[in-house]
Amino acid sequence: QNLNISEVSEKIIAEYIWIGGSGMDMRSKARTLNGPVDDPKKLPKWNYDGSSTGQAPGQDSEVILYPQAIFRDPFRRGNNILVMCDAYTPQGEPIPTNKRYHAEKIFSNPEVAAEEPWYGIEQEYTLLQKEVNWPLGWPIGGFPGPQGPYYCGVGADKAFGRDIVDAHYKACLYAGVTISGTNGEVMPGQWEFQVGPSVGISAGDEIWIARYILERITEIAGVVVSFDPKPIPGDWNGAGAHTNYSTKSMREDGGYEVIKKAIEKLGMRHKEHIAAYGEGNERRLTGKHETANIETFLWGVANRGASVRVGRDTEKEGKGYFEDRRPSSNMDPYVVTAMIADTTLLWKP
């Protein structure tokens, strides 16, 4: 029963959320607090068994959760909250899988903070039938018709899982995630939501919470969500997490020149970025299906086959943003957003 406990009790439930040892497995557990909390610094730290998440040895398994961001809980509602956390040793050292800690160091750098980096992340994902691990709406052991009618498609033979997508959209808005839209993708059973514009570290927090909410909604629906960058081999689109980016200098007059210099720096560190942009990305970045080949770096205006795309509006207005099309759907948003800021703002060639 979805009872609204806020009507009868001051106590609230806080769901502490963190990222497990694989870098993509989300974990959470709940605790009761005596009253509403709106500042993560006022929340108690907590611990978990890191040996059960692949993050600590059995003989010294305690890992400490530090609350970092609060969102409204769309499942329990009322004053109950979701809490995005990162993980530390009992001595206060970030554990190796804590990517947020390192991202926060980059975003708190005065040079980066002064540029107010904005991110808009397009998170693609695939819905799978739970028992057979095959995309939603696809015939068991078979294939649907070729790609074409499914992108932004409407109808029972073209859109599979819209109820899940819509529930996720509304739940994110309720939670306070800066979700800006959603659409059906090119491969049937594949969808996308967009988060942003978000500033600095909050982009990573919001993508992770949005992923958590999606996992919970698909759990209720009995469907599996996959963030694999190429869930079906062959002539089908892969799944990415295109990352749109701008700085204060790029958004002001003359910003197009700043954008071109930033893209040039990204090209110089292409291999480093690719190595950090998600597991299995080589299966997606083939040069086909709206991607650039993983081995090459090229950019262009309105070119969806480029590594980095600049929009027509940005070119026309001489300022704006660009889109890094290389990150895969299973990328860590803390890693990708911080790396883009580091390369374009701090790194000296």
Protein backbone atom coordinates (compact mmCIF):
# COMPACT_ATOMS: atom_id res chain seq x y z
CA GLN A 1 0.00 0.00 0.00
CA ASN A 2 1.27 3.46 -0.87
CA LEU A 3 0.36 5.12 2.41
CA ASN A 4 1.07 8.81 2.95
CA ILE A 5 2.78 8.62 6.34
CA SER A 6 3.29 12.42 6.37
CA GLU A 7 -0.39 12.79 7.32
CA VAL A 8 0.04 10.85 10.56
CA SER A 9 3.73 11.11 11.51
CA GLU A 10 6.56 13.62 11.60
CA LYS A 11 8.97 10.81 10.79
CA ILE A 12 10.24 10.45 7.25
CA ILE A 13 11.91 7.71 5.23
CA ALA A 14 15.21 8.53 3.56
CA GLU A 15 16.31 6.14 0.80
CA TYR A 16 20.14 6.25 0.65
CA ILE A 17 21.35 5.51 -2.90
CA TRP A 18 24.86 4.68 -4.07
CA ILE A 19 26.75 3.08 -6.96
CA GLY A 20 28.05 -0.47 -6.49
CA GLY A 21 31.29 -2.11 -7.49
CA SER A 22 30.53 -2.65 -11.18
CA GLY A 23 30.14 1.10 -11.68
CA MET A 24 26.61 0.61 -13.06
CA ASP A 25 24.77 -1.36 -10.33
CA MET A 26 22.71 0.97 -8.19
CA ARG A 27 22.14 0.06 -4.56
CA SER A 28 19.86 1.58 -1.93
CA LYS A 29 18.55 1.10 1.58
CA ALA A 30 16.16 3.09 3.74
CA ARG A 31 16.24 4.54 7.22
CA THR A 32 13.79 6.44 9.40
CA LEU A 33 14.54 10.06 10.37
CA ASN A 34 12.71 12.07 13.04
CA GLY A 35 11.59 14.85 10.70
CA PRO A 36 11.95 16.49 7.29
CA VAL A 37 15.47 17.34 6.08
CA ASP A 38 16.30 19.65 3.15
CA ASP A 39 20.10 19.87 3.44
CA PRO A 40 22.31 16.82 2.80
CA LYS A 41 24.83 18.13 5.36
CA LYS A 42 22.17 17.65 8.07
CA LEU A 43 21.72 13.97 7.19
CA PRO A 44 23.63 11.33 9.13
CA LYS A 45 26.38 9.36 7.44
CA TRP A 46 25.62 5.65 7.16
CA ASN A 47 27.47 2.45 6.41
CA TYR A 48 26.99 -0.69 4.31
CA ASP A 49 28.66 -4.03 3.71
CA GLY A 50 31.11 -3.33 0.91
CA SER A 51 32.06 -7.01 0.60
CA SER A 52 28.54 -7.65 -0.77
CA THR A 53 28.87 -4.97 -3.47
CA GLY A 54 32.41 -5.76 -4.64
CA GLN A 55 33.83 -2.69 -2.90
CA ALA A 56 35.60 -4.01 0.21
CA PRO A 57 37.20 -7.25 1.51
CA GLY A 58 35.17 -9.46 3.86
CA GLN A 59 37.56 -8.96 6.78
CA ASP A 60 37.21 -5.14 6.60
CA SER A 61 33.90 -4.64 4.86
CA GLU A 62 32.49 -1.40 6.27
CA VAL A 63 32.02 1.41 3.74
CA ILE A 64 30.66 4.82 4.77
CA LEU A 65 27.97 6.69 2.82
CA TYR A 66 28.21 10.49 2.69
CA PRO A 67 24.87 12.12 1.70
CA GLN A 68 25.45 14.57 -1.19
CA ALA A 69 22.11 15.52 -2.78
CA ILE A 70 18.44 15.27 -1.80
CA PHE A 71 15.46 14.62 -4.09
CA ARG A 72 11.77 14.13 -3.34
CA ASP A 73 10.73 10.47 -3.27
CA PRO A 74 8.15 9.87 -6.04
CA PHE A 75 7.36 6.38 -4.71
CA ARG A 76 6.65 7.11 -1.03
CA ARG A 77 5.78 10.78 -1.65
CA GLY A 78 4.95 13.06 1.30
CA ASN A 79 8.10 14.41 2.95
CA ASN A 80 10.09 11.27 2.17
CA ILE A 81 13.35 11.68 0.25
CA LEU A 82 15.86 10.02 -2.05
CA VAL A 83 19.47 10.71 -1.05
CA MET A 84 22.33 10.46 -3.55
CA CYS A 85 25.46 9.39 -1.70
CA ASP A 86 29.11 8.64 -2.40
CA ALA A 87 31.30 6.15 -0.58
CA TYR A 88 34.36 6.39 1.68
CA THR A 89 36.51 4.21 3.91
CA PRO A 90 36.03 4.56 7.69
CA GLN A 91 39.20 6.69 7.61
CA GLY A 92 37.49 9.19 5.28
CA GLU A 93 39.28 8.25 2.04
CA PRO A 94 37.13 7.95 -1.12
CA ILE A 95 36.93 4.29 -2.20
CA PRO A 96 38.31 3.53 -5.71
CA THR A 97 34.84 3.39 -7.31
CA ASN A 98 33.87 6.82 -5.92
CA LYS A 99 33.97 8.86 -9.14
CA ARG A 100 31.94 11.72 -7.64
CA TYR A 101 34.76 12.74 -5.29
CA HIS A 102 37.19 13.34 -8.16
CA ALA A 103 34.55 15.13 -10.25
CA GLU A 104 33.75 17.45 -7.36
CA LYS A 105 37.44 18.43 -7.14
CA ILE A 106 37.37 19.55 -10.79
CA PHE A 107 34.04 21.38 -10.50
CA SER A 108 35.13 23.20 -7.34
CA ASN A 109 38.27 24.50 -9.08
CA PRO A 110 37.83 28.32 -9.25
CA GLU A 111 38.65 28.38 -13.00
CA VAL A 112 35.92 25.84 -13.72
CA ALA A 113 33.36 27.31 -11.31
CA ALA A 114 33.80 30.77 -12.86
CA GLU A 115 32.79 29.36 -16.26
CA GLU A 116 29.53 27.83 -14.94
CA PRO A 117 29.64 24.65 -17.07
CA TRP A 118 26.19 23.58 -18.26
CA TYR A 119 25.37 20.02 -19.30
CA GLY A 120 22.44 18.48 -21.12
CA ILE A 121 22.71 14.69 -21.21
CA GLU A 122 20.66 12.52 -23.58
CA GLN A 123 20.36 9.17 -21.82
CA GLU A 124 19.36 6.34 -24.17
CA TYR A 125 18.29 2.95 -22.83
CA THR A 126 16.61 -0.27 -24.00
CA LEU A 127 13.64 -1.99 -22.38
CA LEU A 128 13.94 -5.80 -22.30
CA GLN A 129 11.42 -8.57 -21.70
CA LYS A 130 12.45 -9.95 -18.32
CA GLU A 131 12.30 -13.71 -18.97
CA VAL A 132 14.02 -13.74 -22.37
CA ASN A 133 16.33 -10.71 -22.26
CA TRP A 134 14.98 -9.53 -25.64
CA PRO A 135 13.74 -6.01 -26.44
CA LEU A 136 10.20 -5.10 -25.45
CA GLY A 137 7.78 -5.46 -28.38
CA TRP A 138 10.07 -7.77 -30.37
CA PRO A 139 8.75 -11.23 -31.29
CA ILE A 140 10.40 -13.92 -29.14
CA GLY A 141 13.43 -15.27 -31.02
CA GLY A 142 12.65 -13.02 -33.98
CA PHE A 143 13.00 -9.48 -35.24
CA PRO A 144 10.62 -6.59 -35.92
CA GLY A 145 10.55 -4.71 -39.22
CA PRO A 146 13.62 -2.63 -40.06
CA GLN A 147 14.33 0.74 -38.42
CA GLY A 148 12.50 3.76 -39.73
CA PRO A 149 9.01 3.99 -38.23
CA TYR A 150 10.04 3.71 -34.57
CA TYR A 151 11.93 6.97 -33.92
CA CYS A 152 9.42 9.25 -32.14
CA GLY A 153 6.82 6.77 -33.40
CA VAL A 154 3.20 6.45 -32.30
CA GLY A 155 1.09 3.30 -32.28
CA ALA A 156 1.01 -0.20 -30.79
CA ASP A 157 3.20 -1.57 -33.60
CA LYS A 158 5.84 1.16 -33.23
CA ALA A 159 6.08 2.33 -29.58
CA PHE A 160 6.77 -0.30 -26.92
CA GLY A 161 6.82 0.69 -23.24
CA ARG A 162 5.43 4.22 -23.40
CA ASP A 163 3.62 3.77 -20.05
CA ILE A 164 6.99 3.13 -18.39
CA VAL A 165 8.58 6.11 -20.12
CA ASP A 166 5.76 8.45 -19.13
CA ALA A 167 5.73 7.24 -15.52
CA HIS A 168 9.49 7.83 -15.37
CA TYR A 169 9.15 11.32 -16.85
CA LYS A 170 6.58 12.40 -14.27
CA ALA A 171 8.43 10.73 -11.39
CA CYS A 172 11.60 12.65 -12.31
CA LEU A 173 9.71 15.95 -12.39
CA TYR A 174 8.22 15.11 -8.99
CA ALA A 175 11.66 14.24 -7.60
CA GLY A 176 13.15 17.56 -8.72
CA VAL A 177 15.34 16.17 -11.49
CA THR A 178 15.88 18.71 -14.30
CA ILE A 179 14.43 16.34 -16.90
CA SER A 180 13.79 18.29 -20.08
CA GLY A 181 12.17 15.75 -22.39
CA THR A 182 11.81 12.21 -23.67
CA ASN A 183 11.31 10.41 -26.99
CA GLY A 184 11.20 7.03 -28.68
CA GLU A 185 14.52 6.09 -30.28
CA VAL A 186 15.50 4.61 -33.66
CA MET A 187 15.60 0.97 -32.51
CA PRO A 188 12.21 -0.37 -31.36
CA GLY A 189 12.10 -0.85 -27.59
CA GLN A 190 14.72 1.87 -27.14
CA TRP A 191 13.95 5.24 -25.55
CA GLU A 192 15.72 8.39 -24.44
CA PHE A 193 15.30 10.98 -21.73
CA GLN A 194 17.20 14.25 -21.46
CA VAL A 195 18.46 15.87 -18.26
CA GLY A 196 19.57 19.47 -18.17
CA PRO A 197 20.67 22.12 -18.36
CA SER A 198 22.39 21.19 -15.11
CA VAL A 199 25.41 22.97 -13.67
CA GLY A 200 28.61 21.14 -12.73
CA ILE A 201 28.38 18.21 -10.33
CA SER A 202 24.56 18.32 -10.26
CA ALA A 203 24.47 16.88 -13.81
CA GLY A 204 25.99 13.64 -12.52
CA ASP A 205 23.73 13.55 -9.44
CA GLU A 206 20.62 14.05 -11.56
CA ILE A 207 21.48 11.40 -14.16
CA TRP A 208 22.17 8.83 -11.44
CA ILE A 209 18.91 9.61 -9.63
CA ALA A 210 17.01 9.50 -12.93
CA ARG A 211 18.57 6.08 -13.64
CA TYR A 212 17.59 4.91 -10.14
CA ILE A 213 13.98 6.05 -10.66
CA LEU A 214 13.91 4.26 -14.03
CA GLU A 215 15.22 1.04 -12.44
CA ARG A 216 12.50 1.25 -9.79
CA ILE A 217 9.70 1.85 -12.30
CA THR A 218 10.83 -1.00 -14.56
CA GLU A 219 11.03 -3.18 -11.42
CA ILE A 220 7.34 -2.44 -10.78
CA ALA A 221 6.48 -3.13 -14.43
CA GLY A 222 8.39 -6.43 -14.52
CA VAL A 223 10.63 -5.16 -17.33
CA VAL A 224 14.44 -4.94 -17.40
CA VAL A 225 16.24 -1.73 -18.38
CA SER A 226 19.54 -2.12 -20.22
CA PHE A 227 22.19 0.57 -20.58
CA ASP A 228 24.31 -1.61 -22.89
CA PRO A 229 25.69 0.53 -25.76
CA LYS A 230 24.85 -2.14 -28.38
CA PRO A 231 22.23 -4.51 -26.95
CA ILE A 232 21.42 -6.09 -30.33
CA PRO A 233 24.27 -6.76 -32.81
CA GLY A 234 23.81 -6.06 -36.49
CA ASP A 235 21.88 -3.39 -38.35
CA TRP A 236 20.36 -1.76 -35.28
CA ASN A 237 21.20 1.53 -33.58
CA GLY A 238 23.28 1.42 -30.41
CA ALA A 239 22.56 3.42 -27.27
CA GLY A 240 24.56 6.49 -26.27
CA ALA A 241 24.53 9.33 -23.77
CA HIS A 242 25.22 12.36 -25.97
CA THR A 243 26.55 15.12 -23.72
CA ASN A 244 25.73 18.72 -24.60
CA TYR A 245 28.08 21.25 -23.06
CA SER A 246 28.63 24.97 -22.79
CA THR A 247 30.54 27.40 -20.61
CA LYS A 248 29.81 31.03 -19.79
CA SER A 249 32.36 32.13 -22.44
CA MET A 250 30.71 29.92 -25.07
CA ARG A 251 27.26 31.35 -24.31
CA GLU A 252 28.43 34.96 -24.69
CA ASP A 253 29.20 36.93 -27.87
CA GLY A 254 32.25 35.47 -29.60
CA GLY A 255 31.56 32.08 -28.04
CA TYR A 256 31.88 30.18 -31.32
CA GLU A 257 35.65 30.74 -31.34
CA VAL A 258 35.83 29.45 -27.75
CA ILE A 259 33.81 26.38 -28.83
CA LYS A 260 36.19 25.65 -31.72
CA LYS A 261 39.22 25.84 -29.42
CA ALA A 262 37.53 23.54 -26.90
CA ILE A 263 36.70 20.98 -29.61
CA GLU A 264 40.30 21.11 -30.82
CA LYS A 265 41.47 20.21 -27.29
CA LEU A 266 38.95 17.36 -27.11
CA GLY A 267 40.38 15.98 -30.35
CA MET A 268 43.89 16.04 -28.92
CA ARG A 269 42.78 13.86 -25.99
CA HIS A 270 40.43 11.64 -28.01
CA LYS A 271 41.91 8.31 -26.85
CA GLU A 272 41.80 9.31 -23.18
CA HIS A 273 38.17 10.33 -23.47
CA ILE A 274 37.16 7.17 -25.33
CA ALA A 275 38.80 5.05 -22.62
CA ALA A 276 36.60 6.78 -20.01
CA TYR A 277 33.36 6.99 -22.02
CA GLY A 278 31.84 3.58 -21.23
CA GLU A 279 32.38 -0.17 -21.47
CA GLY A 280 31.68 -1.84 -24.81
CA ASN A 281 31.56 1.46 -26.67
CA GLU A 282 33.64 -0.02 -29.52
CA ARG A 283 30.59 -2.13 -30.44
CA ARG A 284 28.57 1.07 -30.91
CA LEU A 285 31.09 3.54 -32.41
CA THR A 286 31.51 1.84 -35.78
CA GLY A 287 31.01 4.76 -38.14
CA LYS A 288 27.48 3.52 -38.89
CA HIS A 289 24.11 4.17 -37.26
CA GLU A 290 24.74 7.88 -36.58
CA THR A 291 28.19 7.44 -35.03
CA ALA A 292 31.77 8.33 -35.88
CA ASN A 293 34.33 5.52 -35.91
CA ILE A 294 35.96 5.04 -32.49
CA GLU A 295 39.46 5.40 -33.98
CA THR A 296 38.86 8.83 -35.54
CA PHE A 297 37.91 12.25 -34.22
CA LEU A 298 35.95 14.62 -36.40
CA TRP A 299 33.53 17.41 -35.76
CA GLY A 300 31.00 19.20 -37.91
CA VAL A 301 27.95 21.41 -37.97
CA ALA A 302 24.68 19.41 -37.84
CA ASN A 303 26.63 16.20 -38.57
CA ARG A 304 25.27 13.21 -36.61
CA GLY A 305 28.09 11.06 -37.95
CA ALA A 306 30.68 13.21 -36.19
CA SER A 307 32.39 12.72 -32.82
CA VAL A 308 31.33 16.24 -31.84
CA ARG A 309 28.37 18.06 -33.40
CA VAL A 310 27.74 21.79 -33.41
CA GLY A 311 24.15 22.88 -33.98
CA ARG A 312 23.09 25.17 -36.82
CA ASP A 313 21.79 27.72 -34.30
CA THR A 314 25.16 27.90 -32.57
CA GLU A 315 26.94 28.50 -35.88
CA LYS A 316 24.39 31.11 -36.92
CA GLU A 317 24.38 33.02 -33.62
CA GLY A 318 28.14 32.73 -33.08
CA LYS A 319 27.66 31.34 -29.57
CA GLY A 320 25.97 28.49 -27.73
CA TYR A 321 26.93 24.89 -27.05
CA PHE A 322 28.22 21.70 -28.66
CA GLU A 323 27.38 18.01 -28.37
CA ASP A 324 29.91 15.28 -27.57
CA ARG A 325 28.35 12.24 -29.25
CA ARG A 326 30.96 9.72 -28.08
CA PRO A 327 29.80 8.76 -24.54
CA SER A 328 27.96 5.44 -24.38
CA SER A 329 24.69 4.83 -22.56
CA ASN A 330 26.52 3.12 -19.68
CA MET A 331 29.01 5.94 -19.10
CA ASP A 332 29.50 7.38 -15.62
CA PRO A 333 28.18 10.97 -15.80
CA TYR A 334 30.56 12.08 -13.05
CA VAL A 335 33.53 10.90 -15.12
CA VAL A 336 32.31 12.29 -18.47
CA THR A 337 31.18 15.74 -17.27
CA ALA A 338 34.32 16.29 -15.19
CA MET A 339 36.60 15.11 -18.00
CA ILE A 340 35.02 17.49 -20.52
CA ALA A 341 35.43 20.39 -18.07
CA ASP A 342 39.02 19.37 -17.31
CA THR A 343 40.04 19.09 -20.97
CA THR A 344 38.35 22.29 -22.16
CA LEU A 345 39.08 24.53 -19.15
CA LEU A 346 42.10 23.25 -17.21
CA TRP A 347 44.22 21.09 -19.52
CA LYS A 348 47.11 22.82 -21.25
CA PRO A 349 48.23 21.11 -24.50
